[in-house]
Amino acid sequence: MRKSASQDCTEMRQTVVLKDSEIEGDIILPGNLCLFGKISGNVTAKGKVEVKSGAVVTGNISCRELEIEGLVGGNVETCFLIIGENAVLEGDVQAGKLLVRAVKYDIKRLRLVRK
């Protein structure tokens, strides 16, 4: 069976910011974000945000699911947070679930809430 191309397709809702790209300003997305580059501003997404190794977000992130392998310098609000092995997270965290893959980490303020 063939899928129709509609706005509701999750494949159509993936935004990718490449390694050499830099965005200045807030970004609001209806779906997912896969970040290899840099964003200076707040990120709001209805889906999953992946901050890949070498990627940087200087601002707050609000999303359904967040996976950090790079650097996030801001507060985080998410239902599910995954902190990768080499991730750096500088800010307050509010999450429903937390998975830490790092051997060493420093979380200043963590609030787990039922989401």
PDB file of N, CA and C in Angstrom:
ATOM      1  N   MET A   1       0.832  -1.178   0.000  1.00  0.00           N
ATOM      2  CA  MET A   1       0.000   0.000   0.000  1.00  0.00           C
ATOM      3  C   MET A   1       0.878   1.244   0.000  1.00  0.00           C
ATOM      4  N   ARG A   2       0.534   2.201  -0.783  1.00  0.00           N
ATOM      5  CA  ARG A   2       1.313   3.425  -0.934  1.00  0.00           C
ATOM      6  C   ARG A   2       0.809   4.516   0.003  1.00  0.00           C
ATOM      7  N   LYS A   3       1.735   5.245   0.613  1.00  0.00           N
ATOM      8  CA  LYS A   3       1.357   6.342   1.504  1.00  0.00           C
ATOM      9  C   LYS A   3       1.065   7.590   0.697  1.00  0.00           C
ATOM     10  N   SER A   4       0.096   8.345   1.144  1.00  0.00           N
ATOM     11  CA  SER A   4      -0.189   9.612   0.480  1.00  0.00           C
ATOM     12  C   SER A   4       0.696  10.696   1.077  1.00  0.00           C
ATOM     13  N   ALA A   5       0.980  11.698   0.292  1.00  0.00           N
ATOM     14  CA  ALA A   5       1.818  12.808   0.756  1.00  0.00           C
ATOM     15  C   ALA A   5       0.922  13.886   1.325  1.00  0.00           C
ATOM     16  N   SER A   6       0.740  13.876   2.640  1.00  0.00           N
ATOM     17  CA  SER A   6      -0.073  14.903   3.299  1.00  0.00           C
ATOM     18  C   SER A   6       0.756  15.579   4.371  1.00  0.00           C
ATOM     19  N   GLN A   7       0.244  16.659   4.907  1.00  0.00           N
ATOM     20  CA  GLN A   7       0.971  17.385   5.949  1.00  0.00           C
ATOM     21  C   GLN A   7       1.060  16.586   7.235  1.00  0.00           C
ATOM     22  N   ASP A   8       0.203  15.579   7.415  1.00  0.00           N
ATOM     23  CA  ASP A   8       0.209  14.787   8.630  1.00  0.00           C
ATOM     24  C   ASP A   8       1.294  13.721   8.649  1.00  0.00           C
ATOM     25  N   CYS A   9       1.970  13.501   7.556  1.00  0.00           N
ATOM     26  CA  CYS A   9       3.033  12.496   7.510  1.00  0.00           C
ATOM     27  C   CYS A   9       4.207  12.957   8.365  1.00  0.00           C
ATOM     28  N   THR A  10       4.668  12.073   9.249  1.00  0.00           N
ATOM     29  CA  THR A  10       5.798  12.449  10.099  1.00  0.00           C
ATOM     30  C   THR A  10       7.067  12.640   9.286  1.00  0.00           C
ATOM     31  N   GLU A  11       7.184  11.965   8.141  1.00  0.00           N
ATOM     32  CA  GLU A  11       8.360  12.137   7.298  1.00  0.00           C
ATOM     33  C   GLU A  11       8.447  13.564   6.757  1.00  0.00           C
ATOM     34  N   MET A  12       7.313  14.226   6.608  1.00  0.00           N
ATOM     35  CA  MET A  12       7.269  15.571   6.061  1.00  0.00           C
ATOM     36  C   MET A  12       7.535  16.628   7.135  1.00  0.00           C
ATOM     37  N   ARG A  13       7.617  16.232   8.390  1.00  0.00           N
ATOM     38  CA  ARG A  13       7.721  17.180   9.479  1.00  0.00           C
ATOM     39  C   ARG A  13       9.110  17.181  10.125  1.00  0.00           C
ATOM     40  N   GLN A  14      10.105  16.722   9.425  1.00  0.00           N
ATOM     41  CA  GLN A  14      11.476  16.681   9.928  1.00  0.00           C
ATOM     42  C   GLN A  14      12.242  17.894   9.401  1.00  0.00           C
ATOM     43  N   THR A  15      12.797  18.685  10.297  1.00  0.00           N
ATOM     44  CA  THR A  15      13.633  19.817   9.914  1.00  0.00           C
ATOM     45  C   THR A  15      15.073  19.476  10.283  1.00  0.00           C
ATOM     46  N   VAL A  16      15.994  19.680   9.348  1.00  0.00           N
ATOM     47  CA  VAL A  16      17.407  19.384   9.580  1.00  0.00           C
ATOM     48  C   VAL A  16      18.204  20.677   9.423  1.00  0.00           C
ATOM     49  N   VAL A  17      19.023  20.984  10.430  1.00  0.00           N
ATOM     50  CA  VAL A  17      19.938  22.120  10.362  1.00  0.00           C
ATOM     51  C   VAL A  17      21.342  21.526  10.238  1.00  0.00           C
ATOM     52  N   LEU A  18      21.978  21.777   9.101  1.00  0.00           N
ATOM     53  CA  LEU A  18      23.262  21.154   8.789  1.00  0.00           C
ATOM     54  C   LEU A  18      24.416  21.746   9.590  1.00  0.00           C
ATOM     55  N   LYS A  19      25.534  21.048   9.574  1.00  0.00           N
ATOM     56  CA  LYS A  19      26.709  21.381  10.391  1.00  0.00           C
ATOM     57  C   LYS A  19      27.212  22.810  10.193  1.00  0.00           C
ATOM     58  N   ASP A  20      27.259  23.290   8.978  1.00  0.00           N
ATOM     59  CA  ASP A  20      27.787  24.627   8.705  1.00  0.00           C
ATOM     60  C   ASP A  20      26.734  25.725   8.813  1.00  0.00           C
ATOM     61  N   SER A  21      25.525  25.384   9.262  1.00  0.00           N
ATOM     62  CA  SER A  21      24.433  26.362   9.344  1.00  0.00           C
ATOM     63  C   SER A  21      24.332  26.963  10.734  1.00  0.00           C
ATOM     64  N   GLU A  22      23.985  28.266  10.762  1.00  0.00           N
ATOM     65  CA  GLU A  22      23.752  28.975  12.019  1.00  0.00           C
ATOM     66  C   GLU A  22      22.444  29.739  11.907  1.00  0.00           C
ATOM     67  N   ILE A  23      21.590  29.585  12.914  1.00  0.00           N
ATOM     68  CA  ILE A  23      20.311  30.291  12.962  1.00  0.00           C
ATOM     69  C   ILE A  23      20.328  31.215  14.159  1.00  0.00           C
ATOM     70  N   GLU A  24      19.994  32.489  13.912  1.00  0.00           N
ATOM     71  CA  GLU A  24      19.878  33.460  14.996  1.00  0.00           C
ATOM     72  C   GLU A  24      18.426  33.851  15.121  1.00  0.00           C
ATOM     73  N   GLY A  25      17.855  33.593  16.298  1.00  0.00           N
ATOM     74  CA  GLY A  25      16.447  33.886  16.534  1.00  0.00           C
ATOM     75  C   GLY A  25      15.703  32.634  16.958  1.00  0.00           C
ATOM     76  N   ASP A  26      14.494  32.825  17.455  1.00  0.00           N
ATOM     77  CA  ASP A  26      13.684  31.708  17.920  1.00  0.00           C
ATOM     78  C   ASP A  26      13.166  30.893  16.740  1.00  0.00           C
ATOM     79  N   ILE A  27      12.975  29.594  16.971  1.00  0.00           N
ATOM     80  CA  ILE A  27      12.463  28.710  15.933  1.00  0.00           C
ATOM     81  C   ILE A  27      11.308  27.891  16.526  1.00  0.00           C
ATOM     82  N   ILE A  28      10.187  27.852  15.806  1.00  0.00           N
ATOM     83  CA  ILE A  28       9.005  27.095  16.214  1.00  0.00           C
ATOM     84  C   ILE A  28       8.695  26.102  15.103  1.00  0.00           C
ATOM     85  N   LEU A  29       8.611  24.814  15.474  1.00  0.00           N
ATOM     86  CA  LEU A  29       8.439  23.758  14.478  1.00  0.00           C
ATOM     87  C   LEU A  29       7.210  22.904  14.784  1.00  0.00           C
ATOM     88  N   PRO A  30       6.481  22.480  13.746  1.00  0.00           N
ATOM     89  CA  PRO A  30       5.320  21.614  13.952  1.00  0.00           C
ATOM     90  C   PRO A  30       5.694  20.148  14.160  1.00  0.00           C
ATOM     91  N   GLY A  31       6.958  19.787  13.911  1.00  0.00           N
ATOM     92  CA  GLY A  31       7.382  18.393  14.013  1.00  0.00           C
ATOM     93  C   GLY A  31       8.707  18.249  14.705  1.00  0.00           C
ATOM     94  N   ASN A  32       9.625  17.517  14.071  1.00  0.00           N
ATOM     95  CA  ASN A  32      10.925  17.163  14.648  1.00  0.00           C
ATOM     96  C   ASN A  32      12.045  18.070  14.144  1.00  0.00           C
ATOM     97  N   LEU A  33      13.131  18.126  14.924  1.00  0.00           N
ATOM     98  CA  LEU A  33      14.329  18.869  14.539  1.00  0.00           C
ATOM     99  C   LEU A  33      15.540  17.983  14.754  1.00  0.00           C
ATOM    100  N   CYS A  34      16.393  17.894  13.738  1.00  0.00           N
ATOM    101  CA  CYS A  34      17.676  17.211  13.840  1.00  0.00           C
ATOM    102  C   CYS A  34      18.744  18.275  13.612  1.00  0.00           C
ATOM    103  N   LEU A  35      19.488  18.611  14.664  1.00  0.00           N
ATOM    104  CA  LEU A  35      20.420  19.733  14.631  1.00  0.00           C
ATOM    105  C   LEU A  35      21.869  19.256  14.622  1.00  0.00           C
ATOM    106  N   PHE A  36      22.581  19.659  13.574  1.00  0.00           N
ATOM    107  CA  PHE A  36      24.019  19.434  13.481  1.00  0.00           C
ATOM    108  C   PHE A  36      24.769  20.759  13.604  1.00  0.00           C
ATOM    109  N   GLY A  37      24.091  21.875  13.388  1.00  0.00           N
ATOM    110  CA  GLY A  37      24.685  23.210  13.385  1.00  0.00           C
ATOM    111  C   GLY A  37      24.470  23.945  14.695  1.00  0.00           C
ATOM    112  N   LYS A  38      24.204  25.274  14.576  1.00  0.00           N
ATOM    113  CA  LYS A  38      24.067  26.122  15.764  1.00  0.00           C
ATOM    114  C   LYS A  38      22.776  26.929  15.695  1.00  0.00           C
ATOM    115  N   ILE A  39      22.124  27.056  16.851  1.00  0.00           N
ATOM    116  CA  ILE A  39      20.945  27.908  16.979  1.00  0.00           C
ATOM    117  C   ILE A  39      21.157  28.828  18.170  1.00  0.00           C
ATOM    118  N   SER A  40      21.082  30.143  17.930  1.00  0.00           N
ATOM    119  CA  SER A  40      21.126  31.133  19.008  1.00  0.00           C
ATOM    120  C   SER A  40      19.713  31.672  19.147  1.00  0.00           C
ATOM    121  N   GLY A  41      18.955  31.066  20.030  1.00  0.00           N
ATOM    122  CA  GLY A  41      17.553  31.427  20.230  1.00  0.00           C
ATOM    123  C   GLY A  41      16.823  30.244  20.820  1.00  0.00           C
ATOM    124  N   ASN A  42      15.566  30.455  21.160  1.00  0.00           N
ATOM    125  CA  ASN A  42      14.753  29.405  21.759  1.00  0.00           C
ATOM    126  C   ASN A  42      14.226  28.454  20.684  1.00  0.00           C
ATOM    127  N   VAL A  43      14.090  27.183  21.047  1.00  0.00           N
ATOM    128  CA  VAL A  43      13.571  26.161  20.145  1.00  0.00           C
ATOM    129  C   VAL A  43      12.292  25.587  20.747  1.00  0.00           C
ATOM    130  N   THR A  44      11.211  25.631  19.974  1.00  0.00           N
ATOM    131  CA  THR A  44       9.947  25.023  20.368  1.00  0.00           C
ATOM    132  C   THR A  44       9.538  24.068  19.264  1.00  0.00           C
ATOM    133  N   ALA A  45       9.316  22.802  19.631  1.00  0.00           N
ATOM    134  CA  ALA A  45       8.941  21.787  18.641  1.00  0.00           C
ATOM    135  C   ALA A  45       7.879  20.874  19.241  1.00  0.00           C
ATOM    136  N   LYS A  46       6.932  20.470  18.409  1.00  0.00           N
ATOM    137  CA  LYS A  46       5.888  19.555  18.877  1.00  0.00           C
ATOM    138  C   LYS A  46       6.371  18.108  18.904  1.00  0.00           C
ATOM    139  N   GLY A  47       7.486  17.829  18.248  1.00  0.00           N
ATOM    140  CA  GLY A  47       8.015  16.469  18.180  1.00  0.00           C
ATOM    141  C   GLY A  47       9.322  16.326  18.934  1.00  0.00           C
ATOM    142  N   LYS A  48      10.227  15.568  18.324  1.00  0.00           N
ATOM    143  CA  LYS A  48      11.526  15.267  18.918  1.00  0.00           C
ATOM    144  C   LYS A  48      12.576  16.255  18.427  1.00  0.00           C
ATOM    145  N   VAL A  49      13.453  16.668  19.343  1.00  0.00           N
ATOM    146  CA  VAL A  49      14.603  17.508  19.003  1.00  0.00           C
ATOM    147  C   VAL A  49      15.855  16.704  19.319  1.00  0.00           C
ATOM    148  N   GLU A  50      16.728  16.583  18.313  1.00  0.00           N
ATOM    149  CA  GLU A  50      18.004  15.895  18.483  1.00  0.00           C
ATOM    150  C   GLU A  50      19.121  16.919  18.317  1.00  0.00           C
ATOM    151  N   VAL A  51      19.908  17.116  19.369  1.00  0.00           N
ATOM    152  CA  VAL A  51      21.074  17.993  19.312  1.00  0.00           C
ATOM    153  C   VAL A  51      22.281  17.068  19.181  1.00  0.00           C
ATOM    154  N   LYS A  52      22.768  16.930  17.963  1.00  0.00           N
ATOM    155  CA  LYS A  52      23.829  15.977  17.657  1.00  0.00           C
ATOM    156  C   LYS A  52      25.188  16.452  18.186  1.00  0.00           C
ATOM    157  N   SER A  53      26.145  15.557  18.206  1.00  0.00           N
ATOM    158  CA  SER A  53      27.495  15.868  18.663  1.00  0.00           C
ATOM    159  C   SER A  53      28.076  17.012  17.833  1.00  0.00           C
ATOM    160  N   GLY A  54      28.579  18.036  18.498  1.00  0.00           N
ATOM    161  CA  GLY A  54      29.116  19.214  17.823  1.00  0.00           C
ATOM    162  C   GLY A  54      28.094  20.312  17.614  1.00  0.00           C
ATOM    163  N   ALA A  55      26.815  20.015  17.788  1.00  0.00           N
ATOM    164  CA  ALA A  55      25.756  21.023  17.638  1.00  0.00           C
ATOM    165  C   ALA A  55      25.621  21.844  18.912  1.00  0.00           C
ATOM    166  N   VAL A  56      25.132  23.090  18.754  1.00  0.00           N
ATOM    167  CA  VAL A  56      25.007  24.006  19.888  1.00  0.00           C
ATOM    168  C   VAL A  56      23.660  24.713  19.841  1.00  0.00           C
ATOM    169  N   VAL A  57      22.983  24.742  20.988  1.00  0.00           N
ATOM    170  CA  VAL A  57      21.785  25.563  21.158  1.00  0.00           C
ATOM    171  C   VAL A  57      22.054  26.504  22.316  1.00  0.00           C
ATOM    172  N   THR A  58      21.996  27.810  22.040  1.00  0.00           N
ATOM    173  CA  THR A  58      22.120  28.820  23.077  1.00  0.00           C
ATOM    174  C   THR A  58      20.735  29.429  23.241  1.00  0.00           C
ATOM    175  N   GLY A  59      19.951  28.827  24.116  1.00  0.00           N
ATOM    176  CA  GLY A  59      18.571  29.240  24.326  1.00  0.00           C
ATOM    177  C   GLY A  59      17.800  28.092  24.952  1.00  0.00           C
ATOM    178  N   ASN A  60      16.548  28.347  25.265  1.00  0.00           N
ATOM    179  CA  ASN A  60      15.698  27.347  25.898  1.00  0.00           C
ATOM    180  C   ASN A  60      15.115  26.394  24.856  1.00  0.00           C
ATOM    181  N   ILE A  61      14.832  25.161  25.280  1.00  0.00           N
ATOM    182  CA  ILE A  61      14.223  24.171  24.401  1.00  0.00           C
ATOM    183  C   ILE A  61      12.955  23.635  25.056  1.00  0.00           C
ATOM    184  N   SER A  62      11.877  23.615  24.287  1.00  0.00           N
ATOM    185  CA  SER A  62      10.609  23.029  24.721  1.00  0.00           C
ATOM    186  C   SER A  62      10.147  22.082  23.623  1.00  0.00           C
ATOM    187  N   CYS A  63       9.970  20.793  23.966  1.00  0.00           N
ATOM    188  CA  CYS A  63       9.588  19.799  22.967  1.00  0.00           C
ATOM    189  C   CYS A  63       9.021  18.559  23.660  1.00  0.00           C
ATOM    190  N   ARG A  64       8.540  17.628  22.848  1.00  0.00           N
ATOM    191  CA  ARG A  64       7.997  16.375  23.379  1.00  0.00           C
ATOM    192  C   ARG A  64       9.121  15.459  23.859  1.00  0.00           C
ATOM    193  N   GLU A  65      10.174  15.321  23.042  1.00  0.00           N
ATOM    194  CA  GLU A  65      11.308  14.464  23.369  1.00  0.00           C
ATOM    195  C   GLU A  65      12.589  15.179  22.966  1.00  0.00           C
ATOM    196  N   LEU A  66      13.607  15.112  23.823  1.00  0.00           N
ATOM    197  CA  LEU A  66      14.873  15.780  23.556  1.00  0.00           C
ATOM    198  C   LEU A  66      16.018  14.808  23.773  1.00  0.00           C
ATOM    199  N   GLU A  67      16.877  14.697  22.758  1.00  0.00           N
ATOM    200  CA  GLU A  67      18.089  13.874  22.865  1.00  0.00           C
ATOM    201  C   GLU A  67      19.289  14.785  22.642  1.00  0.00           C
ATOM    202  N   ILE A  68      20.148  14.874  23.662  1.00  0.00           N
ATOM    203  CA  ILE A  68      21.295  15.783  23.610  1.00  0.00           C
ATOM    204  C   ILE A  68      22.586  14.985  23.534  1.00  0.00           C
ATOM    205  N   GLU A  69      23.362  15.272  22.486  1.00  0.00           N
ATOM    206  CA  GLU A  69      24.720  14.740  22.359  1.00  0.00           C
ATOM    207  C   GLU A  69      25.711  15.901  22.247  1.00  0.00           C
ATOM    208  N   GLY A  70      25.211  17.098  21.983  1.00  0.00           N
ATOM    209  CA  GLY A  70      26.032  18.298  21.845  1.00  0.00           C
ATOM    210  C   GLY A  70      25.909  19.192  23.067  1.00  0.00           C
ATOM    211  N   LEU A  71      25.809  20.505  22.827  1.00  0.00           N
ATOM    212  CA  LEU A  71      25.762  21.501  23.899  1.00  0.00           C
ATOM    213  C   LEU A  71      24.429  22.240  23.885  1.00  0.00           C
ATOM    214  N   VAL A  72      23.795  22.316  25.051  1.00  0.00           N
ATOM    215  CA  VAL A  72      22.587  23.121  25.224  1.00  0.00           C
ATOM    216  C   VAL A  72      22.839  24.076  26.375  1.00  0.00           C
ATOM    217  N   GLY A  73      22.807  25.371  26.070  1.00  0.00           N
ATOM    218  CA  GLY A  73      22.990  26.401  27.085  1.00  0.00           C
ATOM    219  C   GLY A  73      21.677  27.124  27.309  1.00  0.00           C
ATOM    220  N   GLY A  74      20.796  26.516  28.072  1.00  0.00           N
ATOM    221  CA  GLY A  74      19.483  27.093  28.335  1.00  0.00           C
ATOM    222  C   GLY A  74      18.621  26.105  29.093  1.00  0.00           C
ATOM    223  N   ASN A  75      17.428  26.537  29.460  1.00  0.00           N
ATOM    224  CA  ASN A  75      16.510  25.686  30.194  1.00  0.00           C
ATOM    225  C   ASN A  75      15.801  24.720  29.247  1.00  0.00           C
ATOM    226  N   VAL A  76      15.400  23.565  29.785  1.00  0.00           N
ATOM    227  CA  VAL A  76      14.777  22.514  28.993  1.00  0.00           C
ATOM    228  C   VAL A  76      13.450  22.117  29.629  1.00  0.00           C
ATOM    229  N   GLU A  77      12.412  22.005  28.785  1.00  0.00           N
ATOM    230  CA  GLU A  77      11.124  21.471  29.217  1.00  0.00           C
ATOM    231  C   GLU A  77      10.689  20.430  28.199  1.00  0.00           C
ATOM    232  N   THR A  78      10.586  19.165  28.645  1.00  0.00           N
ATOM    233  CA  THR A  78      10.286  18.062  27.734  1.00  0.00           C
ATOM    234  C   THR A  78       9.607  16.921  28.480  1.00  0.00           C
ATOM    235  N   CYS A  79       8.938  16.061  27.736  1.00  0.00           N
ATOM    236  CA  CYS A  79       8.335  14.864  28.327  1.00  0.00           C
ATOM    237  C   CYS A  79       9.388  13.786  28.568  1.00  0.00           C
ATOM    238  N   PHE A  80      10.357  13.671  27.657  1.00  0.00           N
ATOM    239  CA  PHE A  80      11.377  12.631  27.752  1.00  0.00           C
ATOM    240  C   PHE A  80      12.725  13.222  27.364  1.00  0.00           C
ATOM    241  N   LEU A  81      13.689  13.136  28.263  1.00  0.00           N
ATOM    242  CA  LEU A  81      15.022  13.697  28.042  1.00  0.00           C
ATOM    243  C   LEU A  81      16.059  12.581  28.032  1.00  0.00           C
ATOM    244  N   ILE A  82      16.880  12.567  26.972  1.00  0.00           N
ATOM    245  CA  ILE A  82      17.993  11.624  26.859  1.00  0.00           C
ATOM    246  C   ILE A  82      19.275  12.448  26.820  1.00  0.00           C
ATOM    247  N   ILE A  83      20.150  12.214  27.796  1.00  0.00           N
ATOM    248  CA  ILE A  83      21.428  12.916  27.861  1.00  0.00           C
ATOM    249  C   ILE A  83      22.506  11.946  27.413  1.00  0.00           C
ATOM    250  N   GLY A  84      23.124  12.245  26.275  1.00  0.00           N
ATOM    251  CA  GLY A  84      24.140  11.380  25.687  1.00  0.00           C
ATOM    252  C   GLY A  84      25.466  11.421  26.433  1.00  0.00           C
ATOM    253  N   GLU A  85      26.364  10.572  25.985  1.00  0.00           N
ATOM    254  CA  GLU A  85      27.643  10.374  26.660  1.00  0.00           C
ATOM    255  C   GLU A  85      28.500  11.633  26.736  1.00  0.00           C
ATOM    256  N   ASN A  86      28.532  12.449  25.684  1.00  0.00           N
ATOM    257  CA  ASN A  86      29.378  13.646  25.674  1.00  0.00           C
ATOM    258  C   ASN A  86      28.560  14.935  25.718  1.00  0.00           C
ATOM    259  N   ALA A  87      27.331  14.854  26.162  1.00  0.00           N
ATOM    260  CA  ALA A  87      26.447  16.017  26.181  1.00  0.00           C
ATOM    261  C   ALA A  87      26.829  17.009  27.266  1.00  0.00           C
ATOM    262  N   VAL A  88      26.538  18.288  26.981  1.00  0.00           N
ATOM    263  CA  VAL A  88      26.694  19.349  27.968  1.00  0.00           C
ATOM    264  C   VAL A  88      25.356  20.072  28.045  1.00  0.00           C
ATOM    265  N   LEU A  89      24.789  20.124  29.247  1.00  0.00           N
ATOM    266  CA  LEU A  89      23.509  20.775  29.465  1.00  0.00           C
ATOM    267  C   LEU A  89      23.661  21.769  30.598  1.00  0.00           C
ATOM    268  N   GLU A  90      23.542  23.056  30.258  1.00  0.00           N
ATOM    269  CA  GLU A  90      23.702  24.127  31.231  1.00  0.00           C
ATOM    270  C   GLU A  90      22.366  24.839  31.365  1.00  0.00           C
ATOM    271  N   GLY A  91      21.614  24.505  32.393  1.00  0.00           N
ATOM    272  CA  GLY A  91      20.316  25.127  32.598  1.00  0.00           C
ATOM    273  C   GLY A  91      19.424  24.245  33.442  1.00  0.00           C
ATOM    274  N   ASP A  92      18.251  24.756  33.768  1.00  0.00           N
ATOM    275  CA  ASP A  92      17.276  24.014  34.547  1.00  0.00           C
ATOM    276  C   ASP A  92      16.546  23.032  33.638  1.00  0.00           C
ATOM    277  N   VAL A  93      16.159  21.902  34.220  1.00  0.00           N
ATOM    278  CA  VAL A  93      15.510  20.842  33.450  1.00  0.00           C
ATOM    279  C   VAL A  93      14.172  20.493  34.090  1.00  0.00           C
ATOM    280  N   GLN A  94      13.131  20.439  33.251  1.00  0.00           N
ATOM    281  CA  GLN A  94      11.836  19.914  33.675  1.00  0.00           C
ATOM    282  C   GLN A  94      11.467  18.820  32.687  1.00  0.00           C
ATOM    283  N   ALA A  95      11.378  17.579  33.184  1.00  0.00           N
ATOM    284  CA  ALA A  95      11.137  16.441  32.302  1.00  0.00           C
ATOM    285  C   ALA A  95      10.212  15.438  32.978  1.00  0.00           C
ATOM    286  N   GLY A  96       9.525  14.660  32.150  1.00  0.00           N
ATOM    287  CA  GLY A  96       8.680  13.587  32.659  1.00  0.00           C
ATOM    288  C   GLY A  96       9.488  12.321  32.901  1.00  0.00           C
ATOM    289  N   LYS A  97      10.413  12.020  31.980  1.00  0.00           N
ATOM    290  CA  LYS A  97      11.296  10.866  32.088  1.00  0.00           C
ATOM    291  C   LYS A  97      12.705  11.300  31.741  1.00  0.00           C
ATOM    292  N   LEU A  98      13.691  10.623  32.334  1.00  0.00           N
ATOM    293  CA  LEU A  98      15.088  10.983  32.127  1.00  0.00           C
ATOM    294  C   LEU A  98      15.916   9.720  31.916  1.00  0.00           C
ATOM    295  N   LEU A  99      16.738   9.744  30.862  1.00  0.00           N
ATOM    296  CA  LEU A  99      17.695   8.678  30.593  1.00  0.00           C
ATOM    297  C   LEU A  99      19.065   9.328  30.455  1.00  0.00           C
ATOM    298  N   VAL A 100      20.004   8.921  31.314  1.00  0.00           N
ATOM    299  CA  VAL A 100      21.351   9.489  31.284  1.00  0.00           C
ATOM    300  C   VAL A 100      22.317   8.399  30.835  1.00  0.00           C
ATOM    301  N   ARG A 101      22.959   8.635  29.698  1.00  0.00           N
ATOM    302  CA  ARG A 101      23.951   7.689  29.163  1.00  0.00           C
ATOM    303  C   ARG A 101      25.369   8.097  29.542  1.00  0.00           C
ATOM    304  N   ALA A 102      25.522   9.295  30.064  1.00  0.00           N
ATOM    305  CA  ALA A 102      26.849   9.824  30.397  1.00  0.00           C
ATOM    306  C   ALA A 102      27.385   9.161  31.662  1.00  0.00           C
ATOM    307  N   VAL A 103      28.691   9.004  31.716  1.00  0.00           N
ATOM    308  CA  VAL A 103      29.344   8.479  32.904  1.00  0.00           C
ATOM    309  C   VAL A 103      29.464   9.589  33.948  1.00  0.00           C
ATOM    310  N   LYS A 104      29.732  10.802  33.484  1.00  0.00           N
ATOM    311  CA  LYS A 104      29.898  11.947  34.373  1.00  0.00           C
ATOM    312  C   LYS A 104      28.948  13.047  33.918  1.00  0.00           C
ATOM    313  N   TYR A 105      28.187  13.606  34.848  1.00  0.00           N
ATOM    314  CA  TYR A 105      27.259  14.678  34.501  1.00  0.00           C
ATOM    315  C   TYR A 105      27.014  15.573  35.703  1.00  0.00           C
ATOM    316  N   ASP A 106      26.578  16.772  35.438  1.00  0.00           N
ATOM    317  CA  ASP A 106      26.309  17.761  36.477  1.00  0.00           C
ATOM    318  C   ASP A 106      24.982  18.443  36.153  1.00  0.00           C
ATOM    319  N   ILE A 107      23.962  18.093  36.901  1.00  0.00           N
ATOM    320  CA  ILE A 107      22.647  18.708  36.708  1.00  0.00           C
ATOM    321  C   ILE A 107      22.407  19.634  37.893  1.00  0.00           C
ATOM    322  N   LYS A 108      22.217  20.914  37.608  1.00  0.00           N
ATOM    323  CA  LYS A 108      22.039  21.885  38.680  1.00  0.00           C
ATOM    324  C   LYS A 108      20.648  21.815  39.296  1.00  0.00           C
ATOM    325  N   ARG A 109      19.634  21.803  38.466  1.00  0.00           N
ATOM    326  CA  ARG A 109      18.274  21.760  38.981  1.00  0.00           C
ATOM    327  C   ARG A 109      17.436  20.878  38.057  1.00  0.00           C
ATOM    328  N   LEU A 110      16.882  19.811  38.619  1.00  0.00           N
ATOM    329  CA  LEU A 110      16.093  18.864  37.846  1.00  0.00           C
ATOM    330  C   LEU A 110      14.730  18.709  38.516  1.00  0.00           C
ATOM    331  N   ARG A 111      13.690  18.848  37.712  1.00  0.00           N
ATOM    332  CA  ARG A 111      12.332  18.643  38.223  1.00  0.00           C
ATOM    333  C   ARG A 111      11.665  17.616  37.328  1.00  0.00           C
ATOM    334  N   LEU A 112      11.347  16.450  37.906  1.00  0.00           N
ATOM    335  CA  LEU A 112      10.631  15.419  37.157  1.00  0.00           C
ATOM    336  C   LEU A 112       9.136  15.571  37.450  1.00  0.00           C
ATOM    337  N   VAL A 113       8.366  15.708  36.394  1.00  0.00           N
ATOM    338  CA  VAL A 113       6.923  15.904  36.522  1.00  0.00           C
ATOM    339  C   VAL A 113       6.197  14.858  35.688  1.00  0.00           C
ATOM    340  N   ARG A 114       5.013  14.537  36.112  1.00  0.00           N
ATOM    341  CA  ARG A 114       4.194  13.587  35.356  1.00  0.00           C
ATOM    342  C   ARG A 114       3.623  14.261  34.141  1.00  0.00           C
ATOM    343  N   LYS A 115       3.953  13.761  32.951  1.00  0.00           N
ATOM    344  CA  LYS A 115       3.471  14.354  31.692  1.00  0.00           C
ATOM    345  C   LYS A 115       2.731  13.321  30.895  1.00  0.00           C
TER     346      LYS A 115
END
